[in-house]
């Protein structure tokens, strides 16, 4: 190998691997785990189960879809007619159902 090729290969070997495009941000994962633990208990075992659950969901649901569902759920909480669009739109129902299926599978796997 030439010197330039060796330097390039060494640099690539030392570079951290970039996160996948659909990887969930740490804060999003942490928020899910906190909410999960609030519902299921504050034990180390529940922590592991909740972390497993968000990892399983992340394997099935791209982060962009998860983010849309979080927005839909927040918008559904608004009082009055403005929330109706997010409660009744077919695309919103499909995204919510996709997340619910992923959560159900995560529960089977992790709990």
C-alpha atoms as a PDB file:
ATOM      1  CA  UNK A   1       0.000   0.000   0.000  1.00  0.00           C
ATOM      2  CA  UNK A   2       1.050   3.535  -0.634  1.00  0.00           C
ATOM      3  CA  UNK A   3       1.521   5.935   2.252  1.00  0.00           C
ATOM      4  CA  UNK A   4      -1.617   7.889   1.373  1.00  0.00           C
ATOM      5  CA  UNK A   5      -3.666   4.691   1.308  1.00  0.00           C
ATOM      6  CA  UNK A   6      -2.257   3.630   4.684  1.00  0.00           C
ATOM      7  CA  UNK A   7      -3.086   6.993   6.246  1.00  0.00           C
ATOM      8  CA  UNK A   8      -6.606   6.863   4.811  1.00  0.00           C
ATOM      9  CA  UNK A   9      -7.139   3.301   6.049  1.00  0.00           C
ATOM     10  CA  UNK A  10      -5.840   4.195   9.524  1.00  0.00           C
ATOM     11  CA  UNK A  11      -8.042   7.285   9.674  1.00  0.00           C
ATOM     12  CA  UNK A  12     -11.122   5.310   8.671  1.00  0.00           C
ATOM     13  CA  UNK A  13     -10.360   2.645  11.271  1.00  0.00           C
ATOM     14  CA  UNK A  14     -10.165   5.274  14.028  1.00  0.00           C
ATOM     15  CA  UNK A  15     -13.244   7.244  12.931  1.00  0.00           C
ATOM     16  CA  UNK A  16     -16.412   6.548  14.882  1.00  0.00           C
ATOM     17  CA  UNK A  17     -19.093   4.784  12.929  1.00  0.00           C
ATOM     18  CA  UNK A  18     -21.867   7.226  12.050  1.00  0.00           C
ATOM     19  CA  UNK A  19     -25.280   6.504  13.510  1.00  0.00           C
ATOM     20  CA  UNK A  20     -27.843   5.040  11.137  1.00  0.00           C
ATOM     21  CA  UNK A  21     -30.085   7.610   9.455  1.00  0.00           C
ATOM     22  CA  UNK A  22     -33.129   6.400  11.406  1.00  0.00           C
ATOM     23  CA  UNK A  23     -31.408   6.181  14.786  1.00  0.00           C
ATOM     24  CA  UNK A  24     -33.424   7.702  17.602  1.00  0.00           C
ATOM     25  CA  UNK A  25     -31.780  10.574  19.510  1.00  0.00           C
ATOM     26  CA  UNK A  26     -30.688   9.726  23.039  1.00  0.00           C
ATOM     27  CA  UNK A  27     -33.129  12.258  24.513  1.00  0.00           C
ATOM     28  CA  UNK A  28     -36.054  10.577  22.731  1.00  0.00           C
ATOM     29  CA  UNK A  29     -35.002   7.163  23.995  1.00  0.00           C
ATOM     30  CA  UNK A  30     -34.571   8.539  27.522  1.00  0.00           C
ATOM     31  CA  UNK A  31     -38.015  10.211  27.474  1.00  0.00           C
ATOM     32  CA  UNK A  32     -39.590   6.906  26.440  1.00  0.00           C
ATOM     33  CA  UNK A  33     -37.763   5.007  29.197  1.00  0.00           C
ATOM     34  CA  UNK A  34     -38.754   7.586  31.850  1.00  0.00           C
ATOM     35  CA  UNK A  35     -42.417   7.400  30.821  1.00  0.00           C
ATOM     36  CA  UNK A  36     -42.289   3.606  30.670  1.00  0.00           C
ATOM     37  CA  UNK A  37     -40.755   3.413  34.134  1.00  0.00           C
ATOM     38  CA  UNK A  38     -43.336   5.837  35.509  1.00  0.00           C
ATOM     39  CA  UNK A  39     -46.021   3.396  34.339  1.00  0.00           C
ATOM     40  CA  UNK A  40     -44.297   0.138  35.271  1.00  0.00           C
ATOM     41  CA  UNK A  41     -42.130   0.837  38.302  1.00  0.00           C
ATOM     42  CA  UNK A  42     -38.822   2.369  39.242  1.00  0.00           C
ATOM     43  CA  UNK A  43     -36.647  -0.734  39.477  1.00  0.00           C
ATOM     44  CA  UNK A  44     -33.468  -1.737  37.653  1.00  0.00           C
ATOM     45  CA  UNK A  45     -35.377  -4.632  36.073  1.00  0.00           C
ATOM     46  CA  UNK A  46     -38.042  -2.281  34.686  1.00  0.00           C
ATOM     47  CA  UNK A  47     -35.300   0.055  33.437  1.00  0.00           C
ATOM     48  CA  UNK A  48     -33.831  -2.809  31.401  1.00  0.00           C
ATOM     49  CA  UNK A  49     -37.254  -3.823  30.088  1.00  0.00           C
ATOM     50  CA  UNK A  50     -38.147  -0.269  29.087  1.00  0.00           C
ATOM     51  CA  UNK A  51     -34.784   0.229  27.366  1.00  0.00           C
ATOM     52  CA  UNK A  52     -35.337  -3.048  25.523  1.00  0.00           C
ATOM     53  CA  UNK A  53     -38.783  -1.837  24.507  1.00  0.00           C
ATOM     54  CA  UNK A  54     -37.627   1.421  22.885  1.00  0.00           C
ATOM     55  CA  UNK A  55     -34.800  -0.459  21.157  1.00  0.00           C
ATOM     56  CA  UNK A  56     -37.332  -2.928  19.740  1.00  0.00           C
ATOM     57  CA  UNK A  57     -39.594  -0.101  18.603  1.00  0.00           C
ATOM     58  CA  UNK A  58     -36.643   1.675  16.969  1.00  0.00           C
ATOM     59  CA  UNK A  59     -35.917  -1.486  14.977  1.00  0.00           C
ATOM     60  CA  UNK A  60     -39.442  -1.432  13.473  1.00  0.00           C
ATOM     61  CA  UNK A  61     -40.454   2.232  13.282  1.00  0.00           C
ATOM     62  CA  UNK A  62     -38.226   4.814  11.559  1.00  0.00           C
ATOM     63  CA  UNK A  63     -37.495   7.830  13.726  1.00  0.00           C
ATOM     64  CA  UNK A  64     -39.292  10.173  11.296  1.00  0.00           C
ATOM     65  CA  UNK A  65     -42.515   8.182  11.782  1.00  0.00           C
ATOM     66  CA  UNK A  66     -42.047   8.066  15.567  1.00  0.00           C
ATOM     67  CA  UNK A  67     -41.574  11.832  15.615  1.00  0.00           C
ATOM     68  CA  UNK A  68     -44.787  12.317  13.600  1.00  0.00           C
ATOM     69  CA  UNK A  69     -46.696  10.106  16.030  1.00  0.00           C
ATOM     70  CA  UNK A  70     -45.414  12.129  18.988  1.00  0.00           C
ATOM     71  CA  UNK A  71     -46.701  15.272  17.250  1.00  0.00           C
ATOM     72  CA  UNK A  72     -50.061  13.661  16.466  1.00  0.00           C
ATOM     73  CA  UNK A  73     -50.503  12.586  20.090  1.00  0.00           C
ATOM     74  CA  UNK A  74     -49.615  16.074  21.333  1.00  0.00           C
ATOM     75  CA  UNK A  75     -52.006  17.707  18.870  1.00  0.00           C
ATOM     76  CA  UNK A  76     -54.814  15.373  19.910  1.00  0.00           C
ATOM     77  CA  UNK A  77     -54.589  16.818  23.424  1.00  0.00           C
ATOM     78  CA  UNK A  78     -55.519  20.331  22.259  1.00  0.00           C
ATOM     79  CA  UNK A  79     -59.076  21.148  23.299  1.00  0.00           C
ATOM     80  CA  UNK A  80     -61.609  22.157  20.697  1.00  0.00           C
ATOM     81  CA  UNK A  81     -62.016  21.493  17.007  1.00  0.00           C
ATOM     82  CA  UNK A  82     -58.380  21.868  16.025  1.00  0.00           C
ATOM     83  CA  UNK A  83     -57.550  18.432  17.383  1.00  0.00           C
ATOM     84  CA  UNK A  84     -60.218  16.762  15.247  1.00  0.00           C
ATOM     85  CA  UNK A  85     -57.977  16.713  12.175  1.00  0.00           C
ATOM     86  CA  UNK A  86     -55.349  14.721  14.054  1.00  0.00           C
ATOM     87  CA  UNK A  87     -57.929  12.399  15.585  1.00  0.00           C
ATOM     88  CA  UNK A  88     -59.781  11.576  12.390  1.00  0.00           C
ATOM     89  CA  UNK A  89     -57.241  11.752   9.548  1.00  0.00           C
ATOM     90  CA  UNK A  90     -56.561   8.342   7.981  1.00  0.00           C
ATOM     91  CA  UNK A  91     -52.816   8.989   7.709  1.00  0.00           C
ATOM     92  CA  UNK A  92     -52.639   9.829  11.427  1.00  0.00           C
ATOM     93  CA  UNK A  93     -54.557   6.691  12.355  1.00  0.00           C
ATOM     94  CA  UNK A  94     -52.191   4.586  10.212  1.00  0.00           C
ATOM     95  CA  UNK A  95     -49.101   6.039  11.896  1.00  0.00           C
ATOM     96  CA  UNK A  96     -50.600   5.510  15.357  1.00  0.00           C
ATOM     97  CA  UNK A  97     -51.488   1.918  14.478  1.00  0.00           C
ATOM     98  CA  UNK A  98     -47.946   1.277  13.204  1.00  0.00           C
ATOM     99  CA  UNK A  99     -46.530   2.469  16.535  1.00  0.00           C
ATOM    100  CA  UNK A 100     -49.078   0.469  18.539  1.00  0.00           C
ATOM    101  CA  UNK A 101     -48.141  -2.724  16.677  1.00  0.00           C
ATOM    102  CA  UNK A 102     -44.461  -2.057  17.325  1.00  0.00           C
ATOM    103  CA  UNK A 103     -45.182  -1.403  21.017  1.00  0.00           C
ATOM    104  CA  UNK A 104     -47.175  -4.622  21.305  1.00  0.00           C
ATOM    105  CA  UNK A 105     -44.324  -6.609  19.779  1.00  0.00           C
ATOM    106  CA  UNK A 106     -41.820  -4.822  22.024  1.00  0.00           C
ATOM    107  CA  UNK A 107     -43.914  -5.741  25.063  1.00  0.00           C
ATOM    108  CA  UNK A 108     -43.943  -9.396  24.031  1.00  0.00           C
ATOM    109  CA  UNK A 109     -40.189  -9.347  23.494  1.00  0.00           C
ATOM    110  CA  UNK A 110     -39.145  -7.326  26.541  1.00  0.00           C
ATOM    111  CA  UNK A 111     -41.782  -7.759  29.234  1.00  0.00           C
END
